Each structure stands twice: as C-alpha cells, then as structure tokens.
Amino acid sequence: MIYHGEPLDLMPTLDLAETYPLLECTLSLTHPIDVARLQDAVAITQTVVPQVLGRYNLRWNRFEVEANSLNQVIEEYTVSHDPGRVRLDVLAGPQLKIQVIHHPDYDALRLAMSRLLTDGEGFKHYLYLLAAAYDGQDLANFTNERSVRKILAHLRHPHLRHPHRALPELNGNSDETFPSLSGDVHHHRGEATIPQVESHRLRQRTQAENVTMNAVLLSAYALALFALTGEKRLVIPYQVDLRLHSPVAATNVVQVANLTSEMPIPITVQDGDRLEDVVQRTQATISQLREELAYLPPLVEINRMSRALPPQLVRRLAGKHRAQAAISFANFGHIDHTRLNFGSAVVTQIYFAGAYREMPNFQLTVSVYHDAWTLAFRMLGSEPDYQLGIKILKNVVAQLTQWGRGH
C-alpha cells in the first residue's frame, strides 16, 4: 500500500548528509511490560497511522507499506546487553523501532521514530496513541491529520498578513563554532535534569520578566557556547509548532505529521553579558519574527513547488537556498502523564532527544515530565567532543538554576 507524503515531509530530507532523520524517546516503567500486548498495540496504531510500518521512498516522497513489517518493530534486550541506541533505516522501514530493555524488576523502553514521518509533537501524539491502544481503548474512529493545507490557509488569511523581511543567514555558525578535536569517533548521549523545585522557580521568573521559556533556554544555550567556544554571533533555529495556529478540537484526531516550521534566531553575546541581558534581546527578536510570520514563507514556497514539481526537484531547489545550521535546538515541551497508561505500569521517567549528529553539528533538546526538565543531546564524535557536549549541558543547567533563584 502506498501513502503519499506531504510537502513538509521533504524538509527533514534537505540535510541528510549532516543529520540522520530520527527522534528518540526513552522511558522507564514501574513494572515489566507485556511485549505481546505491546506488539498488538503497534498493530492497532497502524490502523490510524499506516505509514508507521512502511519504508520511505526518497525519490517520490511516499511511504510504502508491506504486510510483514510488524515483526521488525520490537526488539528485546536484557540490561546487560543493552545496545544503548536504536538502529533504524527509515528508507528500508519501518518508521518506528521499539527496544524493550529488561531490568530485574522493571522495564525501560527506547523508541525511535522517523523524522520523515513526524516532528517532535507528532511523536508525542503517536506515543499517546500507542499507550491508548495498549490500555485497550477503541481506536476505530480515530484519524490522523497530516496535511498542512488548513493551517496555511488560516495563516494566510488577509487579517493575519504581515510584511516579511529576509531571514538571517545560518552560515554564521561555521565549523569553527566547535574546536577541531581529534580522537576515535563513537556514539555518545548526554542528559541533565532540572528538578521540579527549580523548574517552578524558572517559570515564576519567566512570568515576572514577561519572557518565554524558549527565549531563556536559547539565551542560556548561546551563553554556554560563548563561554566554551568563544563564539559571539550565533544563529539558532527556533521551532514553531503550526498546530497551535489551527488547533484540532476533536478528541479522536491525532496529528502524527510534520507540522513544524523554523525561524533562525540571531543571538549576539557581548563580553560581560548576563543571562537576563541576552534573554531580553532574544525575546524581542523572537516576538518580532513571530509578529511578521517569518516562519511562513519557507512553508508556502515548498508547498507551492510541491504542487508543480517532482519531489527530487523540490528537494534540490529548496536545499540550494536553505543553509544549514551547525547549532540547533528543539523543545519537545510537556509530556502529558495522564495519557501514558501502559496497563498497571506507570511511566516514572521519560524524555525525548534528537538524532545522533556528527560533530561539529550539535543539537540541544528539552522535554518536561511531571514538571522536571530533561536537557539532552545525541552525538557522533570523539571522547573530547562528548566532554564538550557534557560541559554545554552543565553550563546551561547551572545558568538556568541560578537565574531561577534570582541571581
């Protein structure tokens, strides 16, 4: 069965040479999970999101589903043989892989989802759908909305039109952003947590300062990069979830889809800058770009080209004018614990991360569960590269903690 992709599915394919299009979710359960029941749940979700068991045809931007792909989704390991990461070939399919890691008294799950099928918010939608299927909920009337047309029509309504100015170029983030380090290349992962007490303080201060948490996170990220690399001028892509512009009210509609755009945010760090200084400038930049709907033109352009040109040509033309940023950021937002019921097994911890990126390409991700923040990265690099990534995480966490305490 063939399912044609949407124009925005082409966006993650524009830089395949630098970034493999995967999203990763790691969660721990209070009890072991029923693997047979989990596999049945995956099969049920396919009735809503059939593309999840397909392979991706890069030439034609479509998902091709075969009947025998369900048994390729789940892998089981004991904790002593945990591979530490997921191997998933999205071109061969399926678009999802689940590793069940058996501990003596509980299980952990590591899920990898194709970025060609969905963005981070859509990955959460799929996870909620999987939990509902595992918990026995009837999904017969559920549908998956993947099209961006309604959202674009809403955004292009005359009363929302604004003049668009040229977006800043991304080539300010050169390979020199990170020091050139030698050493054996390995897969690395890093995580750091901001507990509930500190996150409450952060939210209180953001409200008092009338700024967004994304502005604070981006500013702390830029200051950490300045402290560790000396880079003063950065352009960091900022993700905009288009679902917020045309929210779906129906409870039986999910959006496992690519419905996210980006705005490159220029951030300049000056000697002596404190976090509050950079936050105010970053917030002003974000507000201005959002007011101008600066994230809209690339979407309109790729949507327009997709109506007239084959995917290969669209990819070539769009990629030619879309510079890639070595430094990036993704906020997966809050994870709703009320929608993660795997039978009697409660999710004690969960966080999301992006794909393994080869240094000097580096992405910081943030996700929130039970008001605790997890900052993470995935990296393909040397041991010194990994140590640099850990220093970035620790620096950002330290800044946020001090800022939340009013220092």
Protein backbone atom coordinates (compact mmCIF):
# COMPACT_ATOMS: atom_id res chain seq x y z
CA MET A 1 0.00 0.00 0.00
CA ILE A 2 1.31 3.44 -0.94
CA TYR A 3 0.70 6.59 1.13
CA HIS A 4 1.88 9.82 -0.46
CA GLY A 5 3.92 12.13 1.73
CA GLU A 6 3.12 15.76 2.47
CA PRO A 7 5.24 18.71 1.28
CA LEU A 8 6.62 19.27 4.80
CA ASP A 9 7.89 15.68 4.87
CA LEU A 10 10.55 16.90 2.45
CA MET A 11 12.01 19.37 4.96
CA PRO A 12 13.93 16.80 7.06
CA THR A 13 15.43 15.34 3.86
CA LEU A 14 17.21 18.55 2.90
CA ASP A 15 20.27 17.86 5.07
CA LEU A 16 20.55 14.06 5.17
CA ALA A 17 24.30 14.35 4.72
CA GLU A 18 24.61 16.03 8.12
CA THR A 19 21.71 14.71 10.19
CA TYR A 20 20.03 11.33 10.18
CA PRO A 21 16.26 11.96 10.49
CA LEU A 22 15.38 10.25 13.78
CA LEU A 23 13.72 11.23 17.03
CA GLU A 24 14.30 9.25 20.20
CA CYS A 25 12.24 8.72 23.35
CA THR A 26 13.46 6.92 26.47
CA LEU A 27 11.09 5.95 29.28
CA SER A 28 11.15 3.80 32.43
CA LEU A 29 8.21 1.82 33.79
CA THR A 30 7.43 0.70 37.33
CA HIS A 31 6.77 -2.88 36.15
CA PRO A 32 7.72 -5.16 33.26
CA ILE A 33 5.66 -4.62 30.11
CA ASP A 34 3.71 -7.29 28.22
CA VAL A 35 5.66 -7.45 24.95
CA ALA A 36 2.98 -9.40 23.06
CA ARG A 37 0.40 -6.82 24.14
CA LEU A 38 2.77 -4.03 23.08
CA GLN A 39 3.13 -5.57 19.62
CA ASP A 40 -0.65 -5.82 19.33
CA ALA A 41 -0.84 -2.15 20.29
CA VAL A 42 1.60 -1.23 17.49
CA ALA A 43 -0.60 -3.16 15.04
CA ILE A 44 -3.66 -1.26 16.26
CA THR A 45 -1.94 2.12 15.83
CA GLN A 46 -1.27 1.18 12.21
CA THR A 47 -5.00 1.47 11.56
CA VAL A 48 -4.67 5.17 12.40
CA VAL A 49 -1.09 5.83 11.21
CA PRO A 50 -0.46 3.22 8.49
CA GLN A 51 2.80 4.88 7.39
CA VAL A 52 4.49 3.84 10.65
CA LEU A 53 5.16 0.33 9.31
CA GLY A 54 6.27 1.43 5.86
CA ARG A 55 9.52 2.30 4.15
CA TYR A 56 10.17 5.78 2.85
CA ASN A 57 10.68 6.29 -0.87
CA LEU A 58 13.06 9.24 -1.08
CA ARG A 59 12.56 9.72 -4.80
CA TRP A 60 8.78 10.04 -4.69
CA ASN A 61 8.24 11.26 -1.11
CA ARG A 62 5.92 8.43 -0.17
CA PHE A 63 5.57 5.64 2.36
CA GLU A 64 5.27 2.10 1.05
CA VAL A 65 3.77 -0.41 3.49
CA GLU A 66 4.22 -4.17 3.27
CA ALA A 67 2.30 -6.76 5.27
CA ASN A 68 5.25 -8.40 7.03
CA SER A 69 6.87 -5.35 8.66
CA LEU A 70 5.18 -5.55 12.10
CA ASN A 71 7.66 -8.12 13.41
CA GLN A 72 10.54 -5.71 12.70
CA VAL A 73 9.41 -3.07 15.20
CA ILE A 74 10.12 -4.52 18.66
CA GLU A 75 13.48 -5.77 19.94
CA GLU A 76 14.13 -7.19 23.41
CA TYR A 77 17.35 -7.00 25.43
CA THR A 78 18.47 -7.69 28.95
CA VAL A 79 20.02 -4.70 30.69
CA SER A 80 23.46 -6.32 30.46
CA HIS A 81 23.13 -6.44 26.66
CA ASP A 82 21.51 -3.02 26.17
CA PRO A 83 22.87 -1.69 22.85
CA GLY A 84 22.43 1.89 24.09
CA ARG A 85 20.88 3.17 20.89
CA VAL A 86 18.44 2.24 18.15
CA ARG A 87 19.42 1.29 14.63
CA LEU A 88 16.63 2.27 12.26
CA ASP A 89 16.85 2.55 8.49
CA VAL A 90 13.91 4.74 7.54
CA LEU A 91 14.43 4.12 3.82
CA ALA A 92 14.09 0.36 4.36
CA GLY A 93 11.39 0.76 7.02
CA PRO A 94 9.60 0.57 9.28
CA GLN A 95 9.45 4.17 10.54
CA LEU A 96 9.38 3.05 14.19
CA LYS A 97 11.61 0.88 16.35
CA ILE A 98 10.98 -0.03 19.98
CA GLN A 99 13.64 -1.56 22.22
CA VAL A 100 12.44 -3.21 25.41
CA ILE A 101 15.23 -3.29 27.99
CA HIS A 102 14.52 -5.84 30.73
CA HIS A 103 15.79 -4.89 34.19
CA PRO A 104 15.40 -7.26 37.16
CA ASP A 105 12.23 -5.56 38.48
CA TYR A 106 11.09 -3.24 35.70
CA ASP A 107 11.38 -2.49 32.00
CA ALA A 108 12.65 0.51 30.09
CA LEU A 109 11.60 1.40 26.54
CA ARG A 110 13.65 3.18 23.92
CA LEU A 111 11.62 4.31 20.93
CA ALA A 112 12.98 5.76 17.71
CA MET A 113 10.63 7.44 15.27
CA SER A 114 11.36 8.64 11.75
CA ARG A 115 11.61 12.42 11.43
CA LEU A 116 10.40 11.91 7.85
CA LEU A 117 7.03 10.83 9.23
CA THR A 118 6.59 13.27 12.09
CA ASP A 119 8.06 16.06 14.16
CA GLY A 120 8.53 16.05 17.94
CA GLU A 121 4.95 16.99 18.81
CA GLY A 122 3.67 14.34 16.43
CA PHE A 123 5.94 11.78 18.10
CA LYS A 124 4.18 12.56 21.38
CA HIS A 125 0.82 12.14 19.63
CA TYR A 126 1.93 8.68 18.46
CA LEU A 127 3.17 7.73 21.92
CA TYR A 128 -0.21 8.68 23.43
CA LEU A 129 -1.92 6.65 20.71
CA LEU A 130 0.30 3.64 21.45
CA ALA A 131 -0.45 3.86 25.17
CA ALA A 132 -4.19 4.09 24.46
CA ALA A 133 -4.03 1.01 22.24
CA TYR A 134 -2.04 -0.90 24.88
CA ASP A 135 -4.58 0.13 27.50
CA GLY A 136 -7.43 -1.29 25.44
CA GLN A 137 -9.00 1.92 24.15
CA ASP A 138 -11.04 1.56 20.95
CA LEU A 139 -9.26 3.46 18.17
CA ALA A 140 -11.71 2.50 15.40
CA ASN A 141 -12.95 6.08 14.98
CA PHE A 142 -9.53 7.74 15.27
CA THR A 143 -7.99 9.54 12.30
CA ASN A 144 -4.59 11.07 11.64
CA GLU A 145 -4.44 14.56 10.14
CA ARG A 146 -1.15 15.06 8.27
CA SER A 147 -1.98 17.90 5.87
CA VAL A 148 -0.70 21.43 6.44
CA ARG A 149 -3.14 22.99 3.96
CA LYS A 150 -5.74 24.08 6.50
CA ILE A 151 -3.09 25.63 8.72
CA LEU A 152 -1.51 27.52 5.82
CA ALA A 153 -4.92 28.76 4.69
CA HIS A 154 -5.54 30.06 8.21
CA LEU A 155 -2.14 31.73 8.44
CA ARG A 156 -2.53 33.35 5.03
CA HIS A 157 -5.90 34.85 5.88
CA PRO A 158 -5.89 38.59 5.00
CA HIS A 159 -6.24 39.75 8.61
CA LEU A 160 -3.07 37.83 9.53
CA ARG A 161 -0.87 39.02 6.70
CA HIS A 162 2.28 40.84 7.65
CA PRO A 163 5.26 42.09 5.66
CA HIS A 164 8.06 39.55 5.64
CA ARG A 165 11.65 40.63 5.94
CA ALA A 166 14.56 38.47 4.87
CA LEU A 167 15.54 35.90 7.45
CA PRO A 168 19.09 35.90 8.80
CA GLU A 169 21.50 33.56 7.09
CA LEU A 170 22.56 30.47 9.00
CA ASN A 171 26.10 30.34 7.70
CA GLY A 172 27.27 32.41 10.65
CA ASN A 173 27.61 29.10 12.50
CA SER A 174 30.72 27.81 10.81
CA ASP A 175 32.60 24.64 11.59
CA GLU A 176 34.81 26.79 13.80
CA THR A 177 31.97 27.10 16.32
CA PHE A 178 33.38 23.98 17.94
CA PRO A 179 37.12 23.36 18.30
CA SER A 180 38.54 20.83 15.88
CA LEU A 181 39.12 17.81 18.08
CA SER A 182 40.78 14.53 17.25
CA GLY A 183 40.07 11.08 18.61
CA ASP A 184 38.12 7.92 17.88
CA VAL A 185 34.54 8.58 16.80
CA HIS A 186 31.78 6.95 18.87
CA HIS A 187 28.08 7.35 19.56
CA HIS A 188 27.52 9.42 22.69
CA ARG A 189 24.48 10.58 24.62
CA GLY A 190 24.16 13.11 27.39
CA GLU A 191 21.35 14.08 29.74
CA ALA A 192 20.92 16.55 32.60
CA THR A 193 17.84 17.17 34.73
CA ILE A 194 16.37 20.28 36.30
CA PRO A 195 14.15 19.06 39.17
CA GLN A 196 10.60 20.24 39.89
CA VAL A 197 11.57 22.77 42.55
CA GLU A 198 13.98 24.56 40.23
CA SER A 199 11.61 24.40 37.25
CA HIS A 200 8.88 26.07 39.34
CA ARG A 201 11.30 28.90 40.09
CA LEU A 202 12.16 29.19 36.42
CA ARG A 203 8.51 29.50 35.42
CA GLN A 204 7.87 32.10 38.11
CA ARG A 205 10.77 34.24 36.93
CA THR A 206 9.83 33.95 33.24
CA GLN A 207 6.36 35.19 34.14
CA ALA A 208 7.78 38.01 36.23
CA GLU A 209 10.13 39.05 33.40
CA ASN A 210 7.39 38.64 30.76
CA VAL A 211 9.54 36.36 28.62
CA THR A 212 9.05 32.85 27.26
CA MET A 213 10.90 29.78 28.43
CA ASN A 214 12.21 29.24 24.91
CA ALA A 215 13.86 32.68 24.98
CA VAL A 216 15.53 31.79 28.28
CA LEU A 217 16.68 28.38 27.02
CA LEU A 218 18.08 29.78 23.77
CA SER A 219 19.89 32.56 25.63
CA ALA A 220 21.45 30.18 28.15
CA TYR A 221 22.47 27.92 25.26
CA ALA A 222 24.14 30.82 23.44
CA LEU A 223 25.97 31.95 26.60
CA ALA A 224 27.21 28.39 27.19
CA LEU A 225 28.54 28.20 23.64
CA PHE A 226 30.22 31.59 24.09
CA ALA A 227 31.84 30.51 27.36
CA LEU A 228 33.12 27.21 25.93
CA THR A 229 33.96 28.13 22.34
CA GLY A 230 34.29 31.92 22.26
CA GLU A 231 31.60 32.22 19.56
CA LYS A 232 29.81 35.58 19.97
CA ARG A 233 27.46 35.54 16.99
CA LEU A 234 25.13 32.59 16.62
CA VAL A 235 22.05 31.84 14.56
CA ILE A 236 20.00 29.10 16.22
CA PRO A 237 16.90 27.68 14.52
CA TYR A 238 13.76 28.13 16.61
CA GLN A 239 10.92 25.67 16.09
CA VAL A 240 7.34 26.85 15.62
CA ASP A 241 4.54 24.30 16.08
CA LEU A 242 1.94 25.10 13.44
CA ARG A 243 -0.69 23.06 15.28
CA LEU A 244 -1.11 25.95 17.71
CA HIS A 245 -2.42 28.16 14.88
CA SER A 246 -5.26 25.83 13.93
CA PRO A 247 -5.90 23.53 16.87
CA VAL A 248 -7.98 20.40 16.36
CA ALA A 249 -10.87 20.24 18.81
CA ALA A 250 -11.90 16.63 18.10
CA THR A 251 -10.51 14.18 20.64
CA ASN A 252 -10.36 11.38 18.07
CA VAL A 253 -7.97 13.23 15.73
CA VAL A 254 -4.20 12.92 16.11
CA GLN A 255 -1.52 14.76 14.14
CA VAL A 256 1.38 12.39 13.64
CA ALA A 257 2.87 14.60 10.98
CA ASN A 258 5.46 17.19 10.09
CA LEU A 259 3.69 20.38 11.13
CA THR A 260 6.67 22.36 12.43
CA SER A 261 8.50 25.25 10.84
CA GLU A 262 11.69 27.01 11.85
CA MET A 263 12.88 30.57 12.28
CA PRO A 264 16.62 31.23 12.50
CA ILE A 265 17.16 33.38 15.61
CA PRO A 266 20.30 35.57 15.55
CA ILE A 267 21.82 35.91 19.02
CA THR A 268 24.81 38.09 19.82
CA VAL A 269 26.68 37.68 23.09
CA GLN A 270 28.80 40.57 24.29
CA ASP A 271 31.56 40.50 26.87
CA GLY A 272 30.09 40.89 30.33
CA ASP A 273 26.58 39.87 29.30
CA ARG A 274 24.44 38.23 31.96
CA LEU A 275 21.63 35.83 31.16
CA GLU A 276 18.94 38.46 31.78
CA ASP A 277 20.61 40.76 29.24
CA VAL A 278 20.62 38.16 26.48
CA VAL A 279 17.10 36.95 27.34
CA GLN A 280 15.56 40.36 26.76
CA ARG A 281 17.24 40.73 23.36
CA THR A 282 16.35 37.19 22.34
CA GLN A 283 12.72 37.64 23.38
CA ALA A 284 12.48 40.85 21.37
CA THR A 285 13.87 39.06 18.29
CA ILE A 286 11.50 36.10 18.65
CA SER A 287 8.49 38.36 19.17
CA GLN A 288 9.32 40.44 16.12
CA LEU A 289 9.85 37.41 13.87
CA ARG A 290 6.65 35.77 15.09
CA GLU A 291 4.72 39.00 14.55
CA GLU A 292 6.00 39.05 10.97
CA LEU A 293 5.12 35.34 10.50
CA ALA A 294 8.73 34.87 9.46
CA TYR A 295 8.34 31.09 9.64
CA LEU A 296 5.65 31.12 6.94
CA PRO A 297 7.48 31.91 3.63
CA PRO A 298 9.56 28.67 3.52
CA LEU A 299 6.40 26.61 4.06
CA VAL A 300 4.46 28.45 1.39
CA GLU A 301 7.35 28.06 -1.05
CA ILE A 302 7.83 24.31 -0.57
CA ASN A 303 4.06 23.79 -0.67
CA ARG A 304 3.83 25.75 -3.93
CA MET A 305 6.73 23.88 -5.54
CA SER A 306 5.32 20.52 -4.48
CA ARG A 307 2.16 21.15 -6.46
CA ALA A 308 4.07 21.61 -9.70
CA LEU A 309 7.37 19.73 -9.41
CA PRO A 310 8.50 16.18 -8.55
CA PRO A 311 9.93 15.66 -5.03
CA GLN A 312 13.52 15.26 -6.23
CA LEU A 313 13.47 18.66 -7.93
CA VAL A 314 11.72 20.30 -4.98
CA ARG A 315 14.39 18.90 -2.67
CA ARG A 316 17.17 20.17 -4.91
CA LEU A 317 15.73 23.67 -5.26
CA ALA A 318 14.75 24.04 -1.60
CA GLY A 319 18.06 22.67 -0.36
CA LYS A 320 20.02 25.08 -2.54
CA HIS A 321 18.55 28.10 -0.75
CA ARG A 322 18.32 26.65 2.74
CA ALA A 323 21.58 26.99 4.63
CA GLN A 324 22.07 24.51 7.44
CA ALA A 325 22.96 25.47 10.99
CA ALA A 326 25.61 23.53 12.87
CA ILE A 327 23.96 24.53 16.15
CA SER A 328 20.29 23.74 16.73
CA PHE A 329 17.70 23.48 19.48
CA ALA A 330 14.42 21.58 19.93
CA ASN A 331 11.88 21.90 22.72
CA PHE A 332 9.60 18.85 22.91
CA GLY A 333 7.51 20.58 25.54
CA HIS A 334 5.38 18.98 28.24
CA ILE A 335 4.62 15.26 28.18
CA ASP A 336 1.11 14.51 29.47
CA HIS A 337 1.39 11.76 32.10
CA THR A 338 -2.39 11.23 32.07
CA ARG A 339 -2.12 9.88 28.51
CA LEU A 340 0.69 7.41 29.23
CA ASN A 341 -1.10 4.46 30.81
CA PHE A 342 0.55 1.16 29.93
CA GLY A 343 -1.79 -1.00 31.98
CA SER A 344 -0.62 -1.09 35.58
CA ALA A 345 2.90 0.00 34.62
CA VAL A 346 3.40 3.69 35.41
CA VAL A 347 5.91 5.81 33.50
CA THR A 348 8.35 7.05 36.12
CA GLN A 349 10.68 8.94 33.81
CA ILE A 350 10.59 9.93 30.15
CA TYR A 351 12.46 12.31 27.89
CA PHE A 352 12.97 12.98 24.20
CA ALA A 353 16.12 13.60 22.17
CA GLY A 354 17.07 14.14 18.56
CA ALA A 355 19.19 12.08 16.20
CA TYR A 356 22.90 11.33 16.51
CA ARG A 357 24.63 14.21 14.79
CA GLU A 358 28.23 14.20 13.67
CA MET A 359 30.24 16.95 15.29
CA PRO A 360 30.53 19.87 14.80
CA ASN A 361 26.74 19.58 14.33
CA PHE A 362 25.13 19.71 17.77
CA GLN A 363 21.53 19.82 18.94
CA LEU A 364 20.30 20.54 22.46
CA THR A 365 16.83 19.19 23.25
CA VAL A 366 14.48 19.86 26.16
CA SER A 367 11.43 17.92 27.38
CA VAL A 368 9.31 18.18 30.52
CA TYR A 369 7.64 15.42 32.55
CA HIS A 370 5.95 15.98 35.90
CA ASP A 371 7.48 19.50 35.83
CA ALA A 372 11.03 18.12 35.75
CA TRP A 373 13.12 19.31 32.77
CA THR A 374 15.49 17.00 30.91
CA LEU A 375 18.13 18.52 28.65
CA ALA A 376 19.76 16.04 26.28
CA PHE A 377 21.93 15.54 23.22
CA ARG A 378 22.90 12.70 20.91
CA MET A 379 26.30 12.86 19.29
CA LEU A 380 28.59 11.08 16.86
CA GLY A 381 32.07 12.22 17.83
CA SER A 382 35.25 11.69 19.81
CA GLU A 383 35.63 11.50 23.57
CA PRO A 384 36.70 15.19 23.70
CA ASP A 385 33.60 16.03 21.65
CA TYR A 386 31.47 14.22 24.21
CA GLN A 387 33.13 16.03 27.10
CA LEU A 388 32.40 19.34 25.36
CA GLY A 389 28.75 18.34 24.98
CA ILE A 390 28.54 17.49 28.68
CA LYS A 391 30.08 20.85 29.57
CA ILE A 392 27.45 22.61 27.45
CA LEU A 393 24.68 20.74 29.28
CA LYS A 394 26.11 21.52 32.72
CA ASN A 395 26.68 25.16 31.83
CA VAL A 396 23.10 25.61 30.63
CA VAL A 397 21.67 23.87 33.71
CA ALA A 398 23.82 25.98 36.05
CA GLN A 399 22.72 29.21 34.35
CA LEU A 400 19.04 28.27 34.47
CA THR A 401 19.26 27.24 38.10
CA GLN A 402 20.95 30.49 39.14
CA TRP A 403 18.58 32.59 37.04
CA GLY A 404 15.55 30.87 38.58
CA ARG A 405 16.89 31.70 42.04
CA GLY A 406 17.15 35.37 41.11
CA HIS A 407 20.95 35.52 40.86
